[in-house]
Amino acid sequence: MSELNATSAALLGLLHEGPKTGGQLVAAATERFAGFFSVTRSQVYRELPALTEDGLLRLGKQGPRSSQQYAITAAGKKAFKAWLNTAPGPDNVRSPLILRLVYSGTLTPRQRASLVESARAQTAVKMDEARNAAKTAGDPYEKAAADFTVAYNRAIIKLLDSIPD
């Protein structure tokens, strides 16, 4: 077995809750991690066969429209626990918005205002979702992550407020 990457670890973590199809994993990852960690559909469907081949997942029930459930194995639980117990390494922020803002001085004032207002509207939605997640968090670890997401969105709003007209 090769070392787990963060996407594989995220999937194994979600599968601790019970078997899920690829589509259910994408939805659960979006709901659970959207404020701080992105998982794309293509990443999920690339990782599932590799995790199965490594013996960390087993195939579960066949669902409607040929959807396939996956379940975590004992080896998968052990690999996930080992991943949790390793140093996290550098944390990478990959924000297309911040990249655009870095270069927004090349835009016309109208284009820049449109970019900022669009980002402000999207961030307001994310802020509402994060506040709701913080209020309804089931345990202190989920709450801490939700509180981080609220603070991150506040920082984005502050950044947007600092962009000159």
Protein backbone atom coordinates (compact mmCIF):
# COMPACT_ATOMS: atom_id res chain seq x y z
CA MET A 1 0.00 0.00 0.00
CA SER A 2 1.27 3.47 -0.88
CA GLU A 3 0.97 6.44 1.46
CA LEU A 4 -2.51 7.96 1.55
CA ASN A 5 -3.07 11.34 -0.01
CA ALA A 6 -5.48 13.81 1.58
CA THR A 7 -8.30 13.01 -0.86
CA SER A 8 -8.07 9.28 -0.14
CA ALA A 9 -8.01 10.01 3.59
CA ALA A 10 -11.09 12.23 3.25
CA LEU A 11 -12.96 9.40 1.50
CA LEU A 12 -11.92 6.84 4.10
CA GLY A 13 -13.06 9.21 6.83
CA LEU A 14 -16.47 9.59 5.20
CA LEU A 15 -16.80 5.83 4.78
CA HIS A 16 -16.42 5.33 8.55
CA GLU A 17 -20.08 6.45 8.65
CA GLY A 18 -21.13 3.52 6.44
CA PRO A 19 -21.06 2.39 2.79
CA LYS A 20 -21.56 5.05 0.13
CA THR A 21 -21.55 5.30 -3.64
CA GLY A 22 -19.18 7.63 -5.46
CA GLY A 23 -21.97 10.16 -5.92
CA GLN A 24 -22.85 10.02 -2.24
CA LEU A 25 -19.19 10.54 -1.36
CA VAL A 26 -18.98 13.62 -3.60
CA ALA A 27 -22.10 15.06 -1.96
CA ALA A 28 -20.93 14.23 1.56
CA ALA A 29 -17.47 15.73 0.93
CA THR A 30 -19.02 18.91 -0.44
CA GLU A 31 -21.34 19.20 2.54
CA ARG A 32 -18.74 18.32 5.16
CA PHE A 33 -15.53 19.86 3.77
CA ALA A 34 -16.50 22.64 1.35
CA GLY A 35 -15.32 25.40 3.66
CA PHE A 36 -11.75 24.17 3.85
CA PHE A 37 -11.05 21.23 1.52
CA SER A 38 -12.27 20.63 -2.00
CA VAL A 39 -12.91 17.17 -3.40
CA THR A 40 -13.95 16.93 -7.03
CA ARG A 41 -16.01 14.22 -8.68
CA SER A 42 -13.04 13.23 -10.85
CA GLN A 43 -10.80 12.88 -7.77
CA VAL A 44 -13.34 10.64 -6.05
CA TYR A 45 -13.76 8.37 -9.06
CA ARG A 46 -9.98 8.18 -9.55
CA GLU A 47 -9.31 7.27 -5.90
CA LEU A 48 -12.04 4.66 -5.35
CA PRO A 49 -10.57 1.94 -7.64
CA ALA A 50 -7.07 2.52 -6.25
CA LEU A 51 -8.30 2.25 -2.65
CA THR A 52 -10.19 -0.93 -3.55
CA GLU A 53 -7.15 -2.42 -5.28
CA ASP A 54 -5.03 -1.62 -2.20
CA GLY A 55 -7.56 -3.50 -0.03
CA LEU A 56 -8.67 -0.39 1.88
CA LEU A 57 -12.19 -0.57 0.46
CA ARG A 58 -14.42 -3.40 -0.65
CA LEU A 59 -17.27 -3.29 -3.08
CA GLY A 60 -20.69 -3.12 -1.48
CA LYS A 61 -24.17 -3.34 -2.92
CA GLN A 62 -24.87 -2.49 -6.54
CA GLY A 63 -27.28 0.43 -6.61
CA PRO A 64 -29.65 1.94 -9.16
CA ARG A 65 -28.24 2.98 -12.54
CA SER A 66 -25.16 0.80 -11.95
CA SER A 67 -23.99 2.86 -8.97
CA GLN A 68 -21.52 0.98 -6.81
CA GLN A 69 -21.32 1.22 -3.04
CA TYR A 70 -17.96 1.14 -1.32
CA ALA A 71 -17.27 0.10 2.27
CA ILE A 72 -14.15 0.63 4.32
CA THR A 73 -12.19 -2.47 5.34
CA ALA A 74 -10.23 -3.10 8.55
CA ALA A 75 -7.07 -2.29 6.56
CA GLY A 76 -8.71 0.95 5.42
CA LYS A 77 -9.49 1.91 9.01
CA LYS A 78 -5.90 1.14 9.99
CA ALA A 79 -4.49 3.18 7.08
CA PHE A 80 -6.79 6.10 7.93
CA LYS A 81 -5.70 6.02 11.58
CA ALA A 82 -2.04 5.94 10.48
CA TRP A 83 -2.66 8.93 8.17
CA LEU A 84 -4.26 10.85 11.04
CA ASN A 85 -1.19 10.20 13.17
CA THR A 86 1.36 11.60 10.68
CA ALA A 87 2.58 15.17 10.48
CA PRO A 88 0.31 17.16 8.14
CA GLY A 89 3.10 18.79 6.14
CA PRO A 90 2.61 22.20 4.52
CA ASP A 91 -0.92 23.49 4.19
CA ASN A 92 -1.69 24.71 0.66
CA VAL A 93 -4.20 27.39 -0.13
CA ARG A 94 -5.43 27.30 -3.71
CA SER A 95 -7.87 30.13 -4.28
CA PRO A 96 -8.81 31.16 -7.81
CA LEU A 97 -10.47 34.25 -6.29
CA ILE A 98 -7.32 35.45 -4.55
CA LEU A 99 -5.30 34.77 -7.70
CA ARG A 100 -7.75 36.93 -9.67
CA LEU A 101 -7.58 39.68 -7.04
CA VAL A 102 -3.77 39.69 -7.23
CA TYR A 103 -4.07 40.62 -10.91
CA SER A 104 -7.23 42.72 -10.67
CA GLY A 105 -5.22 45.91 -11.16
CA THR A 106 -5.15 45.04 -14.87
CA LEU A 107 -8.96 45.13 -15.05
CA THR A 108 -11.07 48.18 -15.76
CA PRO A 109 -12.75 49.67 -12.69
CA ARG A 110 -16.09 48.22 -13.86
CA GLN A 111 -14.62 44.74 -14.36
CA ARG A 112 -12.92 44.88 -10.97
CA ALA A 113 -16.14 46.03 -9.27
CA SER A 114 -18.01 43.17 -10.94
CA LEU A 115 -15.41 40.65 -9.75
CA VAL A 116 -15.53 41.99 -6.18
CA GLU A 117 -19.33 42.10 -6.02
CA SER A 118 -19.69 38.61 -7.46
CA ALA A 119 -17.16 37.30 -4.94
CA ARG A 120 -18.90 39.17 -2.12
CA ALA A 121 -22.25 37.54 -2.99
CA GLN A 122 -20.70 34.05 -3.18
CA THR A 123 -18.85 34.59 0.09
CA ALA A 124 -22.04 35.74 1.83
CA VAL A 125 -23.70 32.45 0.88
CA LYS A 126 -20.67 30.48 2.11
CA MET A 127 -20.65 32.53 5.32
CA ASP A 128 -24.31 31.69 6.00
CA GLU A 129 -23.62 27.99 5.37
CA ALA A 130 -20.58 28.08 7.66
CA ARG A 131 -22.46 29.83 10.46
CA ASN A 132 -25.23 27.23 10.19
CA ALA A 133 -22.67 24.41 10.25
CA ALA A 134 -21.06 25.93 13.36
CA LYS A 135 -24.44 26.12 15.11
CA THR A 136 -25.39 22.54 14.25
CA ALA A 137 -21.99 20.85 14.58
CA GLY A 138 -22.31 17.45 16.22
CA ASP A 139 -18.99 17.43 18.02
CA PRO A 140 -16.28 19.91 19.08
CA TYR A 141 -13.99 18.95 16.18
CA GLU A 142 -16.64 19.64 13.54
CA LYS A 143 -17.45 22.90 15.35
CA ALA A 144 -13.80 23.95 15.31
CA ALA A 145 -13.61 23.34 11.55
CA ALA A 146 -16.89 25.22 11.01
CA ASP A 147 -15.64 28.13 13.13
CA PHE A 148 -12.50 28.21 11.00
CA THR A 149 -14.65 28.39 7.87
CA VAL A 150 -16.57 31.34 9.32
CA ALA A 151 -13.28 33.12 10.11
CA TYR A 152 -11.92 32.33 6.64
CA ASN A 153 -14.99 33.83 4.99
CA ARG A 154 -14.67 36.92 7.21
CA ALA A 155 -11.08 37.24 6.00
CA ILE A 156 -12.25 37.01 2.36
CA ILE A 157 -14.79 39.80 3.01
CA LYS A 158 -12.02 41.90 4.59
CA LEU A 159 -9.82 41.24 1.55
CA LEU A 160 -12.62 42.23 -0.80
CA ASP A 161 -13.21 45.42 1.22
CA SER A 162 -9.54 46.33 0.77
CA ILE A 163 -9.60 46.17 -3.04
CA PRO A 164 -9.49 49.76 -4.37
CA ASP A 165 -12.23 50.95 -6.72
